[in-house]
N, C-alpha and C. Protein backbone atom coordinates (compact mmCIF):
# COMPACT_ATOMS: atom_id res chain seq x y z
N MET A 1 -8.16 -91.75 286.98
CA MET A 1 -8.47 -93.15 287.61
C MET A 1 -9.25 -92.31 287.77
N LEU A 2 -9.88 -94.45 288.37
CA LEU A 2 -10.86 -94.61 289.19
C LEU A 2 -10.28 -94.13 290.96
N THR A 3 -10.89 -93.38 291.72
CA THR A 3 -10.95 -93.99 293.37
C THR A 3 -11.34 -95.23 293.68
N LYS A 4 -10.95 -95.40 295.49
CA LYS A 4 -11.68 -96.87 295.82
C LYS A 4 -13.38 -96.31 296.02
N GLU A 5 -13.52 -95.80 296.18
CA GLU A 5 -14.91 -95.15 296.31
C GLU A 5 -16.07 -95.70 295.28
N ARG A 6 -15.54 -95.16 294.41
CA ARG A 6 -16.05 -95.05 292.55
C ARG A 6 -15.89 -96.57 292.37
N LEU A 7 -14.48 -97.65 292.50
CA LEU A 7 -14.97 -98.87 292.35
C LEU A 7 -15.65 -99.69 292.93
N ALA A 8 -15.71 -99.17 294.21
CA ALA A 8 -17.19 -100.10 294.99
C ALA A 8 -18.06 -99.71 294.33
N LEU A 9 -18.64 -98.10 293.98
CA LEU A 9 -19.34 -97.95 293.99
C LEU A 9 -20.19 -99.22 292.84
N VAL A 10 -19.67 -99.01 291.65
CA VAL A 10 -19.70 -100.16 290.64
C VAL A 10 -19.41 -100.42 290.50
N SER A 11 -18.69 -102.07 291.28
CA SER A 11 -18.83 -102.98 291.66
C SER A 11 -20.05 -103.55 292.37
N VAL A 12 -21.07 -102.91 293.44
CA VAL A 12 -22.11 -102.85 294.31
C VAL A 12 -23.58 -102.70 293.33
N VAL A 13 -22.88 -101.67 292.36
CA VAL A 13 -24.54 -101.05 291.31
C VAL A 13 -24.15 -102.58 290.27
N ALA A 14 -22.98 -102.82 289.97
CA ALA A 14 -23.04 -104.16 288.84
C ALA A 14 -24.04 -106.05 289.87
N LEU A 15 -23.38 -105.78 290.94
CA LEU A 15 -23.92 -106.90 291.19
C LEU A 15 -25.03 -106.43 292.08
N ALA A 16 -25.75 -105.82 292.01
CA ALA A 16 -26.73 -105.66 292.75
C ALA A 16 -28.45 -106.08 291.13
N ILE A 17 -27.76 -105.69 289.82
CA ILE A 17 -28.55 -105.58 288.82
C ILE A 17 -28.27 -107.19 288.76
N LEU A 18 -26.68 -108.05 288.64
CA LEU A 18 -26.53 -109.91 288.50
C LEU A 18 -27.68 -110.00 290.05
N VAL A 19 -27.85 -109.59 290.19
CA VAL A 19 -28.78 -110.34 292.01
C VAL A 19 -30.47 -110.71 291.98
N LEU A 20 -30.43 -108.82 291.10
CA LEU A 20 -31.58 -108.33 291.18
C LEU A 20 -32.42 -109.02 289.62
N ALA A 21 -31.61 -109.89 288.79
CA ALA A 21 -31.85 -110.75 287.18
C ALA A 21 -32.56 -111.89 288.22
N GLY A 22 -31.96 -112.17 288.42
CA GLY A 22 -31.92 -113.77 289.33
C GLY A 22 -33.38 -113.86 289.80
N PRO A 23 -34.23 -113.25 290.16
CA PRO A 23 -35.40 -114.13 290.60
C PRO A 23 -35.84 -113.36 289.59
N VAL A 24 -35.88 -112.96 288.33
CA VAL A 24 -37.24 -112.64 287.52
C VAL A 24 -36.95 -114.46 286.07
N ALA A 25 -35.40 -114.21 286.42
CA ALA A 25 -35.57 -115.77 285.26
C ALA A 25 -35.02 -116.74 286.22
N ASN A 26 -35.38 -116.83 287.57
CA ASN A 26 -35.07 -118.95 287.38
C ASN A 26 -36.25 -118.92 288.74
N ALA A 27 -37.17 -119.70 288.26
CA ALA A 27 -37.73 -120.50 289.59
C ALA A 27 -36.98 -120.51 290.74
N GLN A 28 -37.41 -119.73 292.06
CA GLN A 28 -36.84 -120.37 293.20
C GLN A 28 -36.14 -121.27 293.98
N GLY A 29 -35.37 -121.48 294.27
CA GLY A 29 -34.43 -123.07 294.78
C GLY A 29 -34.84 -123.87 293.72
N ARG A 30 -34.87 -123.92 292.42
CA ARG A 30 -34.13 -124.69 291.35
C ARG A 30 -32.99 -125.15 290.54
N CYS A 31 -31.41 -123.99 291.53
CA CYS A 31 -30.39 -123.90 291.52
C CYS A 31 -29.67 -125.04 292.25
N SER A 32 -28.19 -125.83 292.46
CA SER A 32 -27.77 -125.85 293.35
C SER A 32 -26.07 -126.10 292.64
N VAL A 33 -25.08 -126.68 293.21
CA VAL A 33 -24.23 -126.78 292.48
C VAL A 33 -24.07 -127.50 291.51
N ALA A 34 -24.66 -128.92 290.94
CA ALA A 34 -24.65 -130.04 290.32
C ALA A 34 -25.79 -129.42 289.42
N THR A 35 -26.52 -127.58 289.06
CA THR A 35 -26.78 -127.27 288.00
C THR A 35 -25.26 -127.07 287.03
N LEU A 36 -24.58 -126.63 287.44
CA LEU A 36 -23.39 -126.14 286.48
C LEU A 36 -22.20 -127.75 286.40
N LYS A 37 -23.11 -128.49 284.96
CA LYS A 37 -22.54 -129.35 285.34
C LYS A 37 -21.47 -129.65 282.86
N GLY A 38 -20.47 -129.62 282.65
CA GLY A 38 -20.11 -129.52 281.72
C GLY A 38 -19.64 -128.60 280.83
N SER A 39 -19.57 -127.68 280.06
CA SER A 39 -18.47 -126.33 279.46
C SER A 39 -19.66 -125.30 279.24
N TYR A 40 -18.82 -124.77 279.05
CA TYR A 40 -19.60 -122.98 278.81
C TYR A 40 -17.87 -122.30 277.70
N GLY A 41 -18.60 -121.66 276.51
CA GLY A 41 -18.30 -120.35 276.61
C GLY A 41 -18.44 -119.27 276.94
N LEU A 42 -16.56 -118.57 277.08
CA LEU A 42 -16.97 -117.57 278.28
C LEU A 42 -16.34 -116.40 277.09
N VAL A 43 -17.24 -115.07 277.52
CA VAL A 43 -16.88 -114.21 277.23
C VAL A 43 -16.45 -113.10 277.87
N GLU A 44 -15.91 -112.15 278.11
CA GLU A 44 -15.24 -111.52 279.13
C GLU A 44 -14.78 -109.97 278.68
N GLN A 45 -15.19 -108.89 279.28
CA GLN A 45 -14.16 -108.03 279.08
C GLN A 45 -13.83 -106.45 280.39
N GLY A 46 -13.35 -105.93 280.63
CA GLY A 46 -13.07 -105.31 281.68
C GLY A 46 -11.67 -104.21 281.08
N THR A 47 -11.86 -103.61 282.60
CA THR A 47 -11.03 -102.44 282.97
C THR A 47 -9.87 -103.13 284.53
N VAL A 48 -8.34 -103.16 283.95
CA VAL A 48 -7.81 -102.88 285.24
C VAL A 48 -7.91 -101.87 285.72
N VAL A 49 -7.57 -102.43 287.02
CA VAL A 49 -7.71 -100.44 287.86
C VAL A 49 -6.66 -100.10 288.57
N VAL A 50 -6.40 -101.76 288.81
CA VAL A 50 -4.56 -101.44 290.12
C VAL A 50 -3.64 -101.78 289.38
N ASP A 51 -2.93 -101.53 289.32
CA ASP A 51 -0.96 -101.82 288.26
C ASP A 51 -0.50 -103.72 289.22
N ILE A 52 -0.97 -104.68 288.31
CA ILE A 52 -0.93 -106.07 289.11
C ILE A 52 0.53 -106.26 289.37
N GLY A 53 1.91 -105.28 288.55
CA GLY A 53 2.69 -106.06 288.59
C GLY A 53 3.29 -106.82 287.26
N MET A 54 2.79 -107.04 286.46
CA MET A 54 3.16 -107.19 284.91
C MET A 54 3.62 -106.72 284.34
N PRO A 55 5.19 -107.25 283.93
CA PRO A 55 5.94 -106.04 283.19
C PRO A 55 5.62 -105.92 282.04
N GLY A 56 5.65 -105.07 281.38
CA GLY A 56 5.26 -105.24 279.37
C GLY A 56 3.72 -104.05 278.86
N LEU A 57 2.87 -104.40 280.83
CA LEU A 57 1.74 -103.31 280.50
C LEU A 57 1.77 -102.19 280.26
N PRO A 58 1.03 -101.44 280.04
CA PRO A 58 0.45 -99.86 279.67
C PRO A 58 0.08 -99.65 281.99
N PRO A 59 0.71 -98.15 282.10
CA PRO A 59 0.18 -97.35 282.59
C PRO A 59 -1.64 -97.74 283.47
N VAL A 60 -2.07 -98.47 284.60
CA VAL A 60 -3.89 -98.12 284.67
C VAL A 60 -4.75 -97.04 284.41
N PRO A 61 -5.76 -96.93 284.48
CA PRO A 61 -6.04 -98.26 283.68
C PRO A 61 -6.24 -98.35 282.47
N PHE A 62 -6.12 -99.91 281.85
CA PHE A 62 -6.13 -100.69 280.78
C PHE A 62 -6.98 -101.47 280.37
N PRO A 63 -7.77 -101.67 279.05
CA PRO A 63 -8.97 -102.69 278.74
C PRO A 63 -8.75 -104.30 279.14
N SER A 64 -8.80 -105.38 279.18
CA SER A 64 -8.79 -106.92 279.45
C SER A 64 -9.89 -107.06 278.66
N ALA A 65 -9.35 -108.40 277.67
CA ALA A 65 -10.69 -108.72 277.58
C ALA A 65 -10.12 -110.19 277.62
N ASN A 66 -11.02 -111.78 277.74
CA ASN A 66 -10.79 -113.20 277.72
C ASN A 66 -11.61 -113.64 277.33
N VAL A 67 -11.32 -114.78 277.03
CA VAL A 67 -11.93 -115.81 276.18
C VAL A 67 -11.71 -117.33 276.54
N ALA A 68 -12.36 -117.95 276.78
CA ALA A 68 -12.21 -119.74 277.57
C ALA A 68 -13.30 -120.75 277.20
N ILE A 69 -13.31 -121.49 277.60
CA ILE A 69 -13.82 -123.02 277.52
C ILE A 69 -13.88 -122.93 279.28
N VAL A 70 -14.86 -122.97 279.64
CA VAL A 70 -14.54 -123.63 281.25
C VAL A 70 -15.55 -124.50 281.20
N THR A 71 -15.04 -125.78 282.27
CA THR A 71 -15.47 -126.97 282.51
C THR A 71 -16.56 -126.87 283.66
N TYR A 72 -17.78 -127.31 283.78
CA TYR A 72 -16.94 -127.21 285.98
C TYR A 72 -17.98 -129.02 285.76
N ASP A 73 -17.92 -129.51 287.22
CA ASP A 73 -17.90 -131.15 287.69
C ASP A 73 -19.25 -131.16 288.16
N GLY A 74 -20.23 -130.06 288.30
CA GLY A 74 -21.48 -130.69 288.94
C GLY A 74 -21.22 -130.48 290.26
N ALA A 75 -20.06 -130.29 291.52
CA ALA A 75 -19.77 -131.20 292.96
C ALA A 75 -18.55 -129.33 293.40
N GLY A 76 -18.86 -128.41 291.99
CA GLY A 76 -17.93 -127.75 292.83
C GLY A 76 -16.58 -126.94 292.16
N THR A 77 -16.00 -128.11 291.58
CA THR A 77 -14.43 -127.80 290.95
C THR A 77 -15.22 -127.27 289.42
N LEU A 78 -14.93 -126.45 289.01
CA LEU A 78 -14.01 -125.50 287.59
C LEU A 78 -12.58 -125.91 287.32
N THR A 79 -12.70 -125.70 285.69
CA THR A 79 -11.47 -125.81 285.09
C THR A 79 -11.39 -125.05 283.85
N ALA A 80 -10.82 -124.08 283.17
CA ALA A 80 -10.40 -123.33 281.71
C ALA A 80 -9.45 -123.10 281.74
N THR A 81 -9.56 -123.29 279.96
CA THR A 81 -8.40 -123.33 279.16
C THR A 81 -9.02 -121.75 278.93
N TYR A 82 -8.15 -120.68 278.24
CA TYR A 82 -8.40 -118.99 277.78
C TYR A 82 -7.42 -118.78 277.36
N ARG A 83 -7.60 -117.26 277.00
CA ARG A 83 -6.80 -116.36 275.98
C ARG A 83 -7.23 -114.81 276.30
N ALA A 84 -6.28 -114.47 276.93
CA ALA A 84 -6.75 -113.39 277.16
C ALA A 84 -5.54 -112.11 276.60
N THR A 85 -6.03 -110.63 276.49
CA THR A 85 -5.18 -109.89 276.37
C THR A 85 -5.15 -108.39 277.58
N PHE A 86 -4.10 -107.93 277.63
CA PHE A 86 -4.36 -107.12 278.67
C PHE A 86 -3.51 -105.50 278.68
N GLY A 87 -4.16 -104.28 278.01
CA GLY A 87 -3.80 -103.80 277.06
C GLY A 87 -2.86 -103.24 275.74
N GLY A 88 -4.26 -104.24 275.26
CA GLY A 88 -3.89 -105.06 273.60
C GLY A 88 -2.45 -105.83 274.47
N VAL A 89 -1.95 -106.55 274.80
CA VAL A 89 -0.89 -107.21 275.10
C VAL A 89 -1.80 -108.33 275.33
N PRO A 90 -1.39 -109.63 274.49
CA PRO A 90 -1.62 -111.08 274.22
C PRO A 90 -1.12 -111.47 275.16
N LEU A 91 -1.64 -112.59 276.27
CA LEU A 91 -0.95 -113.11 277.31
C LEU A 91 -0.96 -114.59 276.35
N PRO A 92 -0.21 -115.09 277.40
CA PRO A 92 0.03 -116.66 277.00
C PRO A 92 -1.97 -116.98 277.23
N PRO A 93 -1.57 -118.56 276.64
CA PRO A 93 -2.82 -119.43 276.90
C PRO A 93 -2.72 -120.02 278.14
N GLY A 94 -3.45 -119.92 278.84
CA GLY A 94 -3.18 -120.77 280.40
C GLY A 94 -4.56 -121.60 280.42
N GLU A 95 -4.11 -122.76 281.39
CA GLU A 95 -5.03 -123.10 282.05
C GLU A 95 -5.55 -123.33 283.46
N VAL A 96 -6.33 -122.76 284.49
CA VAL A 96 -6.44 -122.93 285.27
C VAL A 96 -7.55 -123.49 286.29
N THR A 97 -7.77 -123.82 287.51
CA THR A 97 -9.11 -124.81 288.23
C THR A 97 -9.17 -123.57 289.31
N GLY A 98 -10.68 -123.63 289.37
CA GLY A 98 -10.99 -123.77 291.00
C GLY A 98 -11.89 -123.48 291.35
N THR A 99 -12.72 -123.48 292.18
CA THR A 99 -13.69 -124.29 292.88
C THR A 99 -15.07 -122.66 292.39
N TYR A 100 -16.42 -123.51 292.78
CA TYR A 100 -17.61 -122.53 292.63
C TYR A 100 -18.47 -123.27 293.33
N THR A 101 -19.58 -121.94 293.68
CA THR A 101 -20.30 -122.60 294.58
C THR A 101 -22.42 -122.20 293.71
N VAL A 102 -23.20 -122.54 294.00
CA VAL A 102 -24.71 -122.26 293.29
C VAL A 102 -25.57 -122.61 294.30
N GLY A 103 -26.00 -121.26 294.57
CA GLY A 103 -27.29 -120.69 295.56
C GLY A 103 -28.48 -121.37 294.80
N ALA A 104 -29.67 -121.70 295.70
CA ALA A 104 -30.84 -122.47 295.39
C ALA A 104 -31.51 -120.87 294.88
N ASP A 105 -30.77 -119.73 294.67
CA ASP A 105 -31.85 -118.80 293.61
C ASP A 105 -30.66 -118.75 292.85
N CYS A 106 -30.02 -119.66 292.63
CA CYS A 106 -29.51 -119.48 290.98
C CYS A 106 -28.10 -118.28 290.96
N THR A 107 -27.72 -118.04 292.08
CA THR A 107 -26.83 -116.80 291.74
C THR A 107 -25.32 -117.75 292.44
N TYR A 108 -24.39 -116.71 291.82
CA TYR A 108 -23.43 -118.03 291.38
C TYR A 108 -21.94 -117.07 291.98
N THR A 109 -21.06 -118.04 292.32
CA THR A 109 -19.71 -117.34 292.43
C THR A 109 -19.31 -118.22 292.45
N ASP A 110 -17.28 -117.75 292.38
CA ASP A 110 -16.23 -118.51 292.11
C ASP A 110 -14.79 -118.04 292.65
N SER A 111 -14.05 -118.96 292.49
CA SER A 111 -12.24 -118.39 293.06
C SER A 111 -11.57 -119.50 292.30
N VAL A 112 -10.68 -118.20 292.04
CA VAL A 112 -9.75 -119.57 291.18
C VAL A 112 -8.11 -118.62 291.61
N PRO A 113 -7.62 -118.64 292.40
CA PRO A 113 -6.49 -118.74 293.37
C PRO A 113 -5.43 -118.18 292.55
N SER A 114 -4.50 -118.86 291.38
CA SER A 114 -4.07 -119.26 290.66
C SER A 114 -3.85 -117.72 289.97
N VAL A 115 -4.89 -116.78 289.61
CA VAL A 115 -4.98 -115.85 288.44
C VAL A 115 -5.72 -114.38 289.85
N MET A 116 -5.82 -114.87 291.13
CA MET A 116 -6.23 -114.02 291.84
C MET A 116 -7.71 -113.35 291.50
N MET A 117 -8.59 -113.99 290.87
CA MET A 117 -9.86 -113.74 289.84
C MET A 117 -11.15 -114.81 290.78
N GLN A 118 -12.10 -113.47 291.31
CA GLN A 118 -13.15 -114.99 291.58
C GLN A 118 -14.52 -113.21 290.72
N ARG A 119 -15.16 -113.91 291.22
CA ARG A 119 -16.35 -113.51 290.27
C ARG A 119 -17.70 -113.76 290.87
N ALA A 120 -19.04 -113.21 290.89
CA ALA A 120 -20.35 -113.67 291.05
C ALA A 120 -20.97 -113.52 289.65
N GLY A 121 -22.36 -113.83 290.00
CA GLY A 121 -23.26 -113.86 289.22
C GLY A 121 -24.62 -114.43 289.35
N VAL A 122 -25.56 -113.84 288.38
CA VAL A 122 -26.79 -115.52 288.97
C VAL A 122 -27.02 -116.26 286.76
N ILE A 123 -27.60 -117.37 286.98
CA ILE A 123 -28.05 -118.33 285.93
C ILE A 123 -29.07 -117.82 285.85
N VAL A 124 -29.05 -118.13 284.44
CA VAL A 124 -29.87 -117.82 283.50
C VAL A 124 -30.64 -119.21 282.71
N GLY A 125 -31.54 -119.81 282.76
CA GLY A 125 -32.09 -120.65 281.55
C GLY A 125 -31.92 -121.86 282.11
N GLN A 126 -32.84 -122.55 280.99
CA GLN A 126 -32.17 -124.17 281.52
C GLN A 126 -31.18 -125.33 280.24
N GLY A 127 -31.31 -126.15 280.70
CA GLY A 127 -30.51 -126.94 279.63
C GLY A 127 -29.46 -126.64 278.58
N THR A 128 -29.89 -127.17 277.29
CA THR A 128 -29.12 -125.96 276.41
C THR A 128 -29.29 -124.48 276.06
N ASN A 129 -30.36 -123.98 276.76
CA ASN A 129 -30.02 -122.57 276.50
C ASN A 129 -29.46 -121.85 277.40
N GLN A 130 -28.74 -122.70 278.64
CA GLN A 130 -28.58 -122.19 279.97
C GLN A 130 -26.99 -121.35 279.95
N GLU A 131 -27.50 -120.29 279.95
CA GLU A 131 -26.11 -119.42 280.54
C GLU A 131 -25.87 -118.26 281.68
N PHE A 132 -24.86 -117.79 282.24
CA PHE A 132 -25.04 -117.01 283.15
C PHE A 132 -24.30 -115.74 282.94
N ARG A 133 -24.85 -114.97 284.03
CA ARG A 133 -23.72 -113.69 283.68
C ARG A 133 -23.00 -113.36 284.73
N THR A 134 -22.25 -112.50 284.49
CA THR A 134 -20.72 -112.99 285.93
C THR A 134 -19.85 -111.34 285.59
N VAL A 135 -20.47 -111.06 287.04
CA VAL A 135 -18.99 -109.41 287.49
C VAL A 135 -17.80 -109.98 288.12
N SER A 136 -17.28 -109.97 288.39
CA SER A 136 -15.91 -109.44 289.06
C SER A 136 -16.31 -109.01 289.98
N THR A 137 -15.14 -109.55 291.27
CA THR A 137 -15.15 -108.94 292.71
C THR A 137 -14.50 -109.03 293.04
N THR A 138 -12.97 -108.98 291.99
CA THR A 138 -11.64 -108.79 292.39
C THR A 138 -11.71 -106.97 292.49
N PRO A 139 -11.04 -107.04 293.35
CA PRO A 139 -10.79 -105.65 293.59
C PRO A 139 -9.82 -104.87 292.73
N TRP A 140 -8.65 -105.46 291.61
CA TRP A 140 -7.79 -104.96 290.22
C TRP A 140 -8.69 -104.90 288.92
N VAL A 141 -9.35 -105.59 289.23
CA VAL A 141 -10.36 -105.50 287.65
C VAL A 141 -11.82 -105.39 287.62
N VAL A 142 -12.16 -105.17 287.07
CA VAL A 142 -13.81 -104.22 286.72
C VAL A 142 -14.44 -104.91 285.89
N ALA A 143 -14.47 -105.82 285.87
CA ALA A 143 -15.54 -106.82 284.28
C ALA A 143 -16.92 -107.54 284.25
N THR A 144 -17.00 -107.95 283.12
CA THR A 144 -18.44 -108.43 282.99
C THR A 144 -17.82 -109.45 282.06
N GLY A 145 -19.41 -110.28 282.39
CA GLY A 145 -19.02 -111.79 281.26
C GLY A 145 -20.35 -112.25 281.53
N ILE A 146 -19.91 -113.09 279.97
CA ILE A 146 -21.45 -114.16 280.35
C ILE A 146 -20.54 -115.43 278.97
N ARG A 147 -21.30 -116.72 280.39
CA ARG A 147 -20.71 -117.92 280.33
C ARG A 147 -22.09 -119.02 279.60
N THR A 148 -22.34 -119.58 278.07
CA THR A 148 -23.02 -120.45 277.43
C THR A 148 -22.52 -121.82 277.49
N LYS A 149 -23.51 -122.08 278.02
CA LYS A 149 -23.66 -123.45 277.90
C LYS A 149 -23.02 -124.24 276.39
N MET A 150 -22.97 -125.12 276.18
CA MET A 150 -21.76 -125.71 274.83
C MET A 150 -21.48 -127.11 274.79
N THR A 151 -21.04 -127.98 273.43
CA THR A 151 -21.04 -129.11 273.01
C THR A 151 -20.10 -129.05 272.87
N VAL A 152 -18.96 -129.65 273.73
CA VAL A 152 -16.97 -129.23 273.54
C VAL A 152 -17.43 -130.68 272.34
N GLY A 153 -16.12 -131.30 270.81
CA GLY A 153 -15.64 -130.97 270.07
C GLY A 153 -17.01 -131.79 269.37
N THR A 154 -17.95 -130.63 268.86
CA THR A 154 -18.78 -130.76 267.26
C THR A 154 -18.35 -130.42 266.56
N CYS A 155 -17.35 -128.97 267.13
CA CYS A 155 -17.42 -127.67 265.78
C CYS A 155 -16.47 -128.26 264.68
N SER A 156 -16.28 -127.53 263.72
CA SER A 156 -15.12 -128.05 262.92
C SER A 156 -15.21 -126.50 261.81
N VAL A 157 -14.62 -126.57 261.29
CA VAL A 157 -13.86 -124.87 260.29
C VAL A 157 -15.01 -125.31 259.58
N GLY A 158 -15.91 -126.49 259.24
CA GLY A 158 -16.61 -126.03 258.13
C GLY A 158 -17.82 -125.84 258.96
N ASP A 159 -17.70 -126.12 260.02
CA ASP A 159 -19.20 -125.17 260.77
C ASP A 159 -19.47 -123.34 260.39
N LEU A 160 -18.21 -122.76 260.48
CA LEU A 160 -18.28 -121.59 260.04
C LEU A 160 -18.26 -120.72 258.66
N LYS A 161 -19.38 -121.16 258.29
CA LYS A 161 -20.30 -120.71 256.79
C LYS A 161 -21.10 -119.48 257.30
N GLY A 162 -21.12 -118.68 256.05
CA GLY A 162 -22.44 -117.31 256.87
C GLY A 162 -21.88 -116.88 256.38
N GLN A 163 -22.89 -115.45 256.94
CA GLN A 163 -21.57 -114.38 257.13
C GLN A 163 -22.62 -113.88 258.93
N TYR A 164 -21.03 -113.12 259.25
CA TYR A 164 -21.63 -112.45 261.09
C TYR A 164 -20.95 -111.88 260.68
N LEU A 165 -21.58 -111.38 262.71
CA LEU A 165 -21.98 -109.58 262.75
C LEU A 165 -20.18 -109.55 263.43
N LEU A 166 -20.01 -108.81 263.37
CA LEU A 166 -18.51 -108.15 263.83
C LEU A 166 -18.78 -106.98 264.39
């Protein structure tokens, strides 16, 4: 089982990697809360390290995974629809709202109180090639994720043709 010291060290190292990647990928001073406007596809994986009191879950530590569409309003509010599994147990689909900030150096933070989640990250790329990398700053889970800019409403079953790597 991870000790609090180990958990703190893992979190600090992951956050340092994200922060150090920011200046390389982004010109200083080009980001603000308005940088994030629109929808992003999210993929996040991690490990739950503290018992969160949900019945039916295995003993900690156990893996977690989350996919979502997160929409940013360009003014500091986010909304998300998500699907998640905790320890192999699929959770019901959900929707959450939260707040976010963006620093001039393209660093990112968010808070989603209803699910006790907070993240920090760094924005890379611009326009339709924009994505950002995040790390959980919540004490009960160690998780990292990638959010990629997307256009909602333009996909159909017909778009899924060809071979995909699994």
